Amino acid sequence: MDDDGVTIHSEGEDGFVPETKSKNTAFLSVLFDSGVEYLQQYGWFILLGVLILLYIKTKLDPKIRKLKSKAEDISYQKKFDPDTTQRRLEAMERARMKLQEEHDAKAAMYAEQQKQKEEEKRKQKIEEWENLQDGKGYRSKVKPVSISYT
């Protein structure tokens, strides 16, 4: 074995053939050789097929673009159709009215509750005034502080 990592075997009269230690280079070499052989056998057919595909693409490309733009126009018209827009606006208006009615009802209930509270306070003040006039005394609103010694 030489210092460069190559083992030399003799093959009779043909001479010396180097044997590599790496199998990757052998695999790549076989792959490259089979690829070249395939192109040698079918290269003209592949070239002809590619040219036909390019020709078809150039002929069909404007028609495909026209169909796409027509489809986009139709979707745009559907999106901004006046009847559809009008129905959408009417539905939004109905929803707003419903929410406004609910808010008005809640506001009326709150106002009624506030009136009842004010009426109760007024009656309580009148009752306290009458109690004071009758000599029953005045009830203090201040809560007494309880002090506990433990």
N, C-alpha and C. Protein backbone atom coordinates (compact mmCIF):
# COMPACT_ATOMS: atom_id res chain seq x y z
N MET A 1 0.85 -1.17 0.00
CA MET A 1 0.00 0.00 0.00
C MET A 1 0.89 1.22 0.00
N ASP A 2 0.55 2.18 -0.83
CA ASP A 2 1.34 3.40 -0.94
C ASP A 2 0.93 4.39 0.13
N ASP A 3 1.64 5.49 0.23
CA ASP A 3 1.35 6.52 1.22
C ASP A 3 0.12 7.35 0.86
N ASP A 4 -0.32 7.37 -0.40
CA ASP A 4 -1.44 8.21 -0.81
C ASP A 4 -2.79 7.53 -0.60
N GLY A 5 -2.87 6.35 0.00
CA GLY A 5 -4.13 5.70 0.30
C GLY A 5 -4.68 4.90 -0.85
N VAL A 6 -3.91 4.60 -1.86
CA VAL A 6 -4.39 3.87 -3.02
C VAL A 6 -3.69 2.52 -3.04
N THR A 7 -4.45 1.47 -3.16
CA THR A 7 -3.88 0.14 -3.25
C THR A 7 -3.81 -0.25 -4.71
N ILE A 8 -2.72 -0.79 -5.13
CA ILE A 8 -2.53 -1.13 -6.55
C ILE A 8 -2.56 -2.65 -6.68
N HIS A 9 -3.44 -3.11 -7.56
CA HIS A 9 -3.52 -4.54 -7.86
C HIS A 9 -3.17 -4.71 -9.33
N SER A 10 -2.53 -5.77 -9.64
CA SER A 10 -2.20 -6.02 -11.05
C SER A 10 -3.29 -6.86 -11.68
N GLU A 11 -3.63 -6.57 -12.93
CA GLU A 11 -4.64 -7.33 -13.64
C GLU A 11 -4.01 -7.95 -14.89
N GLY A 12 -3.14 -8.74 -14.72
CA GLY A 12 -2.55 -9.46 -15.84
C GLY A 12 -1.88 -8.55 -16.82
N GLU A 13 -2.23 -8.66 -18.07
CA GLU A 13 -1.56 -7.94 -19.15
C GLU A 13 -2.09 -6.52 -19.32
N ASP A 14 -3.27 -6.21 -18.78
CA ASP A 14 -3.87 -4.88 -18.97
C ASP A 14 -3.09 -3.80 -18.22
N GLY A 15 -2.48 -4.12 -17.19
CA GLY A 15 -1.74 -3.12 -16.44
C GLY A 15 -2.26 -2.99 -15.03
N PHE A 16 -1.98 -1.86 -14.44
CA PHE A 16 -2.37 -1.62 -13.05
C PHE A 16 -3.65 -0.79 -13.00
N VAL A 17 -4.59 -1.18 -12.11
CA VAL A 17 -5.85 -0.47 -11.92
C VAL A 17 -5.89 0.02 -10.47
N PRO A 18 -6.07 1.34 -10.24
CA PRO A 18 -6.13 1.83 -8.86
C PRO A 18 -7.48 1.48 -8.22
N GLU A 19 -7.48 1.11 -6.97
CA GLU A 19 -8.70 0.80 -6.23
C GLU A 19 -8.86 1.87 -5.16
N THR A 20 -9.99 2.61 -5.18
CA THR A 20 -10.19 3.69 -4.21
C THR A 20 -10.83 3.13 -2.95
N LYS A 21 -10.58 3.78 -1.86
CA LYS A 21 -11.15 3.34 -0.59
C LYS A 21 -12.56 3.90 -0.38
N SER A 22 -12.93 4.96 -1.07
CA SER A 22 -14.23 5.59 -0.88
C SER A 22 -15.25 5.01 -1.85
N LYS A 23 -16.39 4.59 -1.32
CA LYS A 23 -17.45 4.04 -2.18
C LYS A 23 -18.31 5.16 -2.75
N ASN A 24 -18.26 6.35 -2.15
CA ASN A 24 -19.05 7.49 -2.64
C ASN A 24 -18.62 7.90 -4.04
N THR A 25 -17.35 7.94 -4.27
CA THR A 25 -16.89 8.35 -5.60
C THR A 25 -17.27 7.32 -6.64
N ALA A 26 -17.26 6.03 -6.28
CA ALA A 26 -17.68 4.98 -7.22
C ALA A 26 -19.17 5.13 -7.53
N PHE A 27 -19.98 5.41 -6.50
CA PHE A 27 -21.42 5.58 -6.71
C PHE A 27 -21.70 6.80 -7.59
N LEU A 28 -21.02 7.90 -7.31
CA LEU A 28 -21.22 9.10 -8.11
C LEU A 28 -20.76 8.89 -9.54
N SER A 29 -19.71 8.16 -9.71
CA SER A 29 -19.21 7.87 -11.06
C SER A 29 -20.20 7.04 -11.84
N VAL A 30 -20.77 6.02 -11.21
CA VAL A 30 -21.78 5.18 -11.87
C VAL A 30 -23.02 6.01 -12.18
N LEU A 31 -23.43 6.84 -11.26
CA LEU A 31 -24.61 7.69 -11.48
C LEU A 31 -24.38 8.65 -12.63
N PHE A 32 -23.22 9.27 -12.67
CA PHE A 32 -22.91 10.20 -13.76
C PHE A 32 -22.87 9.47 -15.10
N ASP A 33 -22.24 8.30 -15.13
CA ASP A 33 -22.14 7.53 -16.38
C ASP A 33 -23.52 7.11 -16.88
N SER A 34 -24.40 6.67 -15.96
CA SER A 34 -25.73 6.26 -16.41
C SER A 34 -26.54 7.47 -16.86
N GLY A 35 -26.35 8.64 -16.23
CA GLY A 35 -27.04 9.85 -16.68
C GLY A 35 -26.60 10.27 -18.06
N VAL A 36 -25.32 10.23 -18.31
CA VAL A 36 -24.80 10.58 -19.64
C VAL A 36 -25.31 9.59 -20.68
N GLU A 37 -25.33 8.32 -20.34
CA GLU A 37 -25.82 7.30 -21.28
C GLU A 37 -27.30 7.52 -21.61
N TYR A 38 -28.10 7.88 -20.58
CA TYR A 38 -29.52 8.15 -20.79
C TYR A 38 -29.71 9.34 -21.72
N LEU A 39 -28.93 10.41 -21.50
CA LEU A 39 -29.02 11.58 -22.37
C LEU A 39 -28.57 11.27 -23.79
N GLN A 40 -27.59 10.39 -23.95
CA GLN A 40 -27.14 10.02 -25.29
C GLN A 40 -28.23 9.26 -26.03
N GLN A 41 -28.97 8.42 -25.31
CA GLN A 41 -30.00 7.63 -25.97
C GLN A 41 -31.26 8.45 -26.23
N TYR A 42 -31.70 9.27 -25.25
CA TYR A 42 -32.99 9.95 -25.36
C TYR A 42 -32.87 11.47 -25.39
N GLY A 43 -31.73 12.01 -25.63
CA GLY A 43 -31.51 13.45 -25.59
C GLY A 43 -32.36 14.23 -26.57
N TRP A 44 -32.47 13.76 -27.82
CA TRP A 44 -33.26 14.48 -28.82
C TRP A 44 -34.74 14.47 -28.46
N PHE A 45 -35.22 13.36 -27.89
CA PHE A 45 -36.63 13.30 -27.49
C PHE A 45 -36.91 14.26 -26.34
N ILE A 46 -35.98 14.33 -25.42
CA ILE A 46 -36.14 15.25 -24.28
C ILE A 46 -36.13 16.69 -24.77
N LEU A 47 -35.19 17.02 -25.65
CA LEU A 47 -35.11 18.37 -26.20
C LEU A 47 -36.38 18.73 -26.95
N LEU A 48 -36.88 17.81 -27.77
CA LEU A 48 -38.11 18.04 -28.53
C LEU A 48 -39.30 18.23 -27.58
N GLY A 49 -39.38 17.43 -26.53
CA GLY A 49 -40.47 17.56 -25.56
C GLY A 49 -40.44 18.90 -24.85
N VAL A 50 -39.27 19.36 -24.46
CA VAL A 50 -39.14 20.65 -23.78
C VAL A 50 -39.56 21.78 -24.71
N LEU A 51 -39.14 21.71 -25.97
CA LEU A 51 -39.52 22.75 -26.93
C LEU A 51 -41.02 22.78 -27.16
N ILE A 52 -41.65 21.61 -27.25
CA ILE A 52 -43.10 21.56 -27.44
C ILE A 52 -43.81 22.16 -26.22
N LEU A 53 -43.35 21.83 -25.03
CA LEU A 53 -43.96 22.39 -23.81
C LEU A 53 -43.81 23.91 -23.75
N LEU A 54 -42.67 24.43 -24.14
CA LEU A 54 -42.48 25.89 -24.16
C LEU A 54 -43.40 26.55 -25.18
N TYR A 55 -43.57 25.95 -26.34
CA TYR A 55 -44.45 26.49 -27.37
C TYR A 55 -45.90 26.51 -26.88
N ILE A 56 -46.33 25.42 -26.26
CA ILE A 56 -47.70 25.35 -25.74
C ILE A 56 -47.90 26.39 -24.64
N LYS A 57 -46.90 26.56 -23.78
CA LYS A 57 -47.02 27.55 -22.71
C LYS A 57 -47.16 28.96 -23.26
N THR A 58 -46.38 29.30 -24.28
CA THR A 58 -46.47 30.65 -24.84
C THR A 58 -47.80 30.88 -25.53
N LYS A 59 -48.39 29.83 -26.09
CA LYS A 59 -49.68 29.99 -26.76
C LYS A 59 -50.84 30.08 -25.76
N LEU A 60 -50.75 29.32 -24.67
CA LEU A 60 -51.85 29.28 -23.71
C LEU A 60 -51.77 30.35 -22.63
N ASP A 61 -50.62 30.93 -22.42
CA ASP A 61 -50.43 31.89 -21.34
C ASP A 61 -51.37 33.10 -21.42
N PRO A 62 -51.54 33.75 -22.59
CA PRO A 62 -52.48 34.89 -22.64
C PRO A 62 -53.92 34.48 -22.35
N LYS A 63 -54.32 33.30 -22.82
CA LYS A 63 -55.69 32.84 -22.57
C LYS A 63 -55.92 32.57 -21.09
N ILE A 64 -54.92 31.99 -20.46
CA ILE A 64 -55.04 31.70 -19.02
C ILE A 64 -55.11 33.00 -18.22
N ARG A 65 -54.30 33.98 -18.59
CA ARG A 65 -54.35 35.28 -17.91
C ARG A 65 -55.71 35.95 -18.10
N LYS A 66 -56.27 35.85 -19.31
CA LYS A 66 -57.57 36.44 -19.58
C LYS A 66 -58.65 35.77 -18.73
N LEU A 67 -58.60 34.45 -18.60
CA LEU A 67 -59.57 33.74 -17.78
C LEU A 67 -59.45 34.14 -16.30
N LYS A 68 -58.23 34.27 -15.83
CA LYS A 68 -58.03 34.68 -14.43
C LYS A 68 -58.56 36.08 -14.17
N SER A 69 -58.29 37.01 -15.10
CA SER A 69 -58.77 38.38 -14.90
C SER A 69 -60.29 38.43 -14.97
N LYS A 70 -60.89 37.62 -15.84
CA LYS A 70 -62.35 37.58 -15.93
C LYS A 70 -62.94 37.03 -14.63
N ALA A 71 -62.32 36.01 -14.07
CA ALA A 71 -62.81 35.45 -12.80
C ALA A 71 -62.67 36.48 -11.68
N GLU A 72 -61.59 37.24 -11.66
CA GLU A 72 -61.41 38.28 -10.65
C GLU A 72 -62.46 39.38 -10.81
N ASP A 73 -62.77 39.75 -12.05
CA ASP A 73 -63.79 40.76 -12.30
C ASP A 73 -65.15 40.30 -11.79
N ILE A 74 -65.47 39.04 -12.04
CA ILE A 74 -66.76 38.50 -11.60
C ILE A 74 -66.84 38.51 -10.08
N SER A 75 -65.77 38.08 -9.42
CA SER A 75 -65.79 38.07 -7.96
C SER A 75 -65.87 39.50 -7.41
N TYR A 76 -65.23 40.45 -8.06
CA TYR A 76 -65.30 41.85 -7.64
C TYR A 76 -66.73 42.38 -7.79
N GLN A 77 -67.37 42.03 -8.91
CA GLN A 77 -68.74 42.48 -9.13
C GLN A 77 -69.69 41.86 -8.11
N LYS A 78 -69.47 40.59 -7.78
CA LYS A 78 -70.32 39.96 -6.78
C LYS A 78 -70.12 40.62 -5.42
N LYS A 79 -68.88 40.98 -5.13
CA LYS A 79 -68.59 41.57 -3.84
C LYS A 79 -69.26 42.94 -3.70
N PHE A 80 -69.30 43.70 -4.78
CA PHE A 80 -69.85 45.05 -4.73
C PHE A 80 -71.13 45.19 -5.54
N ASP A 81 -71.92 44.13 -5.55
CA ASP A 81 -73.22 44.16 -6.20
C ASP A 81 -74.13 45.10 -5.41
N PRO A 82 -74.86 46.03 -6.07
CA PRO A 82 -75.68 47.00 -5.34
C PRO A 82 -76.76 46.34 -4.48
N ASP A 83 -77.39 45.28 -4.99
CA ASP A 83 -78.44 44.61 -4.21
C ASP A 83 -77.86 43.97 -2.95
N THR A 84 -76.74 43.31 -3.13
CA THR A 84 -76.09 42.67 -1.98
C THR A 84 -75.65 43.72 -0.97
N THR A 85 -75.11 44.80 -1.45
CA THR A 85 -74.66 45.87 -0.57
C THR A 85 -75.85 46.47 0.18
N GLN A 86 -76.96 46.67 -0.51
CA GLN A 86 -78.16 47.23 0.12
C GLN A 86 -78.69 46.29 1.20
N ARG A 87 -78.72 44.98 0.90
CA ARG A 87 -79.19 44.01 1.91
C ARG A 87 -78.27 44.00 3.13
N ARG A 88 -76.97 44.09 2.88
CA ARG A 88 -76.02 44.10 3.99
C ARG A 88 -76.22 45.35 4.85
N LEU A 89 -76.42 46.50 4.21
CA LEU A 89 -76.64 47.74 4.97
C LEU A 89 -77.93 47.69 5.77
N GLU A 90 -78.99 47.12 5.18
CA GLU A 90 -80.25 47.00 5.90
C GLU A 90 -80.12 46.08 7.10
N ALA A 91 -79.38 44.98 6.94
CA ALA A 91 -79.17 44.06 8.06
C ALA A 91 -78.38 44.75 9.17
N MET A 92 -77.39 45.54 8.80
CA MET A 92 -76.62 46.27 9.80
C MET A 92 -77.50 47.28 10.53
N GLU A 93 -78.37 47.95 9.80
CA GLU A 93 -79.27 48.94 10.40
C GLU A 93 -80.24 48.26 11.38
N ARG A 94 -80.76 47.09 10.99
CA ARG A 94 -81.66 46.35 11.90
C ARG A 94 -80.92 45.95 13.17
N ALA A 95 -79.69 45.51 13.03
CA ALA A 95 -78.90 45.12 14.20
C ALA A 95 -78.65 46.33 15.10
N ARG A 96 -78.35 47.47 14.50
CA ARG A 96 -78.14 48.69 15.29
C ARG A 96 -79.41 49.09 16.04
N MET A 97 -80.54 49.01 15.34
CA MET A 97 -81.82 49.37 15.98
C MET A 97 -82.12 48.44 17.15
N LYS A 98 -81.85 47.16 16.97
CA LYS A 98 -82.10 46.19 18.04
C LYS A 98 -81.23 46.51 19.25
N LEU A 99 -79.95 46.78 19.01
CA LEU A 99 -79.06 47.13 20.11
C LEU A 99 -79.49 48.43 20.79
N GLN A 100 -79.95 49.40 20.00
CA GLN A 100 -80.40 50.68 20.57
C GLN A 100 -81.64 50.47 21.43
N GLU A 101 -82.57 49.63 20.97
CA GLU A 101 -83.77 49.36 21.76
C GLU A 101 -83.41 48.68 23.07
N GLU A 102 -82.47 47.72 23.02
CA GLU A 102 -82.04 47.06 24.25
C GLU A 102 -81.41 48.07 25.21
N HIS A 103 -80.60 48.95 24.68
CA HIS A 103 -79.96 49.96 25.52
C HIS A 103 -81.00 50.91 26.12
N ASP A 104 -81.97 51.32 25.32
CA ASP A 104 -83.01 52.22 25.82
C ASP A 104 -83.82 51.54 26.93
N ALA A 105 -84.12 50.24 26.75
CA ALA A 105 -84.88 49.52 27.76
C ALA A 105 -84.08 49.43 29.07
N LYS A 106 -82.80 49.15 28.97
CA LYS A 106 -81.97 49.07 30.17
C LYS A 106 -81.86 50.44 30.84
N ALA A 107 -81.75 51.49 30.04
CA ALA A 107 -81.67 52.84 30.59
C ALA A 107 -82.96 53.21 31.30
N ALA A 108 -84.11 52.83 30.73
CA ALA A 108 -85.39 53.13 31.37
C ALA A 108 -85.52 52.37 32.69
N MET A 109 -85.08 51.12 32.71
CA MET A 109 -85.14 50.34 33.96
C MET A 109 -84.24 50.97 35.02
N TYR A 110 -83.08 51.41 34.63
CA TYR A 110 -82.15 52.04 35.56
C TYR A 110 -82.75 53.34 36.11
N ALA A 111 -83.35 54.12 35.22
CA ALA A 111 -83.97 55.38 35.65
C ALA A 111 -85.11 55.11 36.63
N GLU A 112 -85.89 54.06 36.36
CA GLU A 112 -86.99 53.71 37.25
C GLU A 112 -86.46 53.28 38.62
N GLN A 113 -85.38 52.51 38.63
CA GLN A 113 -84.77 52.09 39.89
C GLN A 113 -84.25 53.30 40.67
N GLN A 114 -83.64 54.24 39.97
CA GLN A 114 -83.14 55.44 40.62
C GLN A 114 -84.29 56.24 41.23
N LYS A 115 -85.41 56.35 40.50
CA LYS A 115 -86.58 57.07 41.04
C LYS A 115 -87.11 56.39 42.29
N GLN A 116 -87.14 55.05 42.27
CA GLN A 116 -87.63 54.33 43.45
C GLN A 116 -86.71 54.56 44.64
N LYS A 117 -85.40 54.56 44.42
CA LYS A 117 -84.46 54.80 45.51
C LYS A 117 -84.63 56.21 46.07
N GLU A 118 -84.79 57.18 45.18
CA GLU A 118 -84.99 58.56 45.64
C GLU A 118 -86.30 58.70 46.40
N GLU A 119 -87.34 58.00 45.94
CA GLU A 119 -88.63 58.05 46.63
C GLU A 119 -88.52 57.43 48.02
N GLU A 120 -87.78 56.33 48.13
CA GLU A 120 -87.58 55.69 49.44
C GLU A 120 -86.81 56.62 50.38
N LYS A 121 -85.78 57.28 49.85
CA LYS A 121 -85.01 58.21 50.67
C LYS A 121 -85.89 59.37 51.14
N ARG A 122 -86.73 59.87 50.22
CA ARG A 122 -87.61 60.98 50.58
C ARG A 122 -88.61 60.57 51.67
N LYS A 123 -89.18 59.35 51.52
CA LYS A 123 -90.13 58.86 52.53
C LYS A 123 -89.43 58.66 53.88
N GLN A 124 -88.19 58.17 53.83
CA GLN A 124 -87.45 57.95 55.06
C GLN A 124 -87.17 59.29 55.76
N LYS A 125 -86.81 60.31 54.98
CA LYS A 125 -86.56 61.62 55.58
C LYS A 125 -87.84 62.20 56.18
N ILE A 126 -88.97 62.03 55.47
CA ILE A 126 -90.25 62.52 56.00
C ILE A 126 -90.59 61.80 57.29
N GLU A 127 -90.37 60.48 57.32
CA GLU A 127 -90.66 59.70 58.52
C GLU A 127 -89.78 60.15 59.69
N GLU A 128 -88.51 60.39 59.40
CA GLU A 128 -87.61 60.87 60.45
C GLU A 128 -88.04 62.24 60.96
N TRP A 129 -88.48 63.11 60.07
CA TRP A 129 -88.93 64.45 60.48
C TRP A 129 -90.18 64.33 61.36
N GLU A 130 -91.10 63.45 60.96
CA GLU A 130 -92.32 63.27 61.76
C GLU A 130 -91.99 62.69 63.13
N ASN A 131 -91.04 61.73 63.15
CA ASN A 131 -90.62 61.16 64.44
C ASN A 131 -90.00 62.23 65.33
N LEU A 132 -89.23 63.11 64.72
CA LEU A 132 -88.61 64.19 65.48
C LEU A 132 -89.68 65.15 66.01
N GLN A 133 -90.70 65.43 65.20
CA GLN A 133 -91.78 66.32 65.62
C GLN A 133 -92.62 65.69 66.74
N ASP A 134 -92.78 64.36 66.69
CA ASP A 134 -93.57 63.68 67.72
C ASP A 134 -92.79 63.46 69.01
N GLY A 135 -91.51 63.78 68.99
CA GLY A 135 -90.69 63.64 70.18
C GLY A 135 -90.08 62.26 70.32
N LYS A 136 -90.11 61.50 69.29
CA LYS A 136 -89.54 60.15 69.36
C LYS A 136 -88.02 60.17 69.22
N GLY A 137 -87.48 61.28 68.85
CA GLY A 137 -86.03 61.42 68.76
C GLY A 137 -85.52 61.29 67.33
N TYR A 138 -84.25 61.57 67.26
CA TYR A 138 -83.60 61.56 65.95
C TYR A 138 -82.68 60.36 65.89
N ARG A 139 -82.82 59.58 64.84
CA ARG A 139 -81.96 58.41 64.68
C ARG A 139 -80.72 58.84 63.91
N SER A 140 -79.56 58.62 64.50
CA SER A 140 -78.31 59.05 63.90
C SER A 140 -77.91 58.11 62.75
N LYS A 141 -77.39 58.68 61.70
CA LYS A 141 -76.94 57.91 60.54
C LYS A 141 -75.52 57.39 60.74
N VAL A 142 -74.85 57.89 61.77
CA VAL A 142 -73.48 57.49 62.02
C VAL A 142 -73.49 56.17 62.77
N LYS A 143 -72.68 55.24 62.29
CA LYS A 143 -72.59 53.95 62.95
C LYS A 143 -71.66 54.08 64.15
N PRO A 144 -72.09 53.57 65.27
CA PRO A 144 -71.23 53.66 66.45
C PRO A 144 -70.02 52.74 66.30
N VAL A 145 -68.92 53.21 66.80
CA VAL A 145 -67.69 52.44 66.75
C VAL A 145 -67.64 51.59 68.01
N SER A 146 -67.51 50.32 67.82
CA SER A 146 -67.46 49.44 68.99
C SER A 146 -66.00 49.18 69.34
N ILE A 147 -65.70 49.43 70.59
CA ILE A 147 -64.34 49.22 71.06
C ILE A 147 -64.39 48.05 72.02
N SER A 148 -63.61 47.08 71.73
CA SER A 148 -63.58 45.91 72.62
C SER A 148 -62.18 45.76 73.17
N TYR A 149 -62.14 45.55 74.49
CA TYR A 149 -60.86 45.36 75.15
C TYR A 149 -60.72 43.89 75.44
N THR A 150 -59.75 43.33 74.86
CA THR A 150 -59.53 41.90 75.10
C THR A 150 -58.20 41.62 75.71
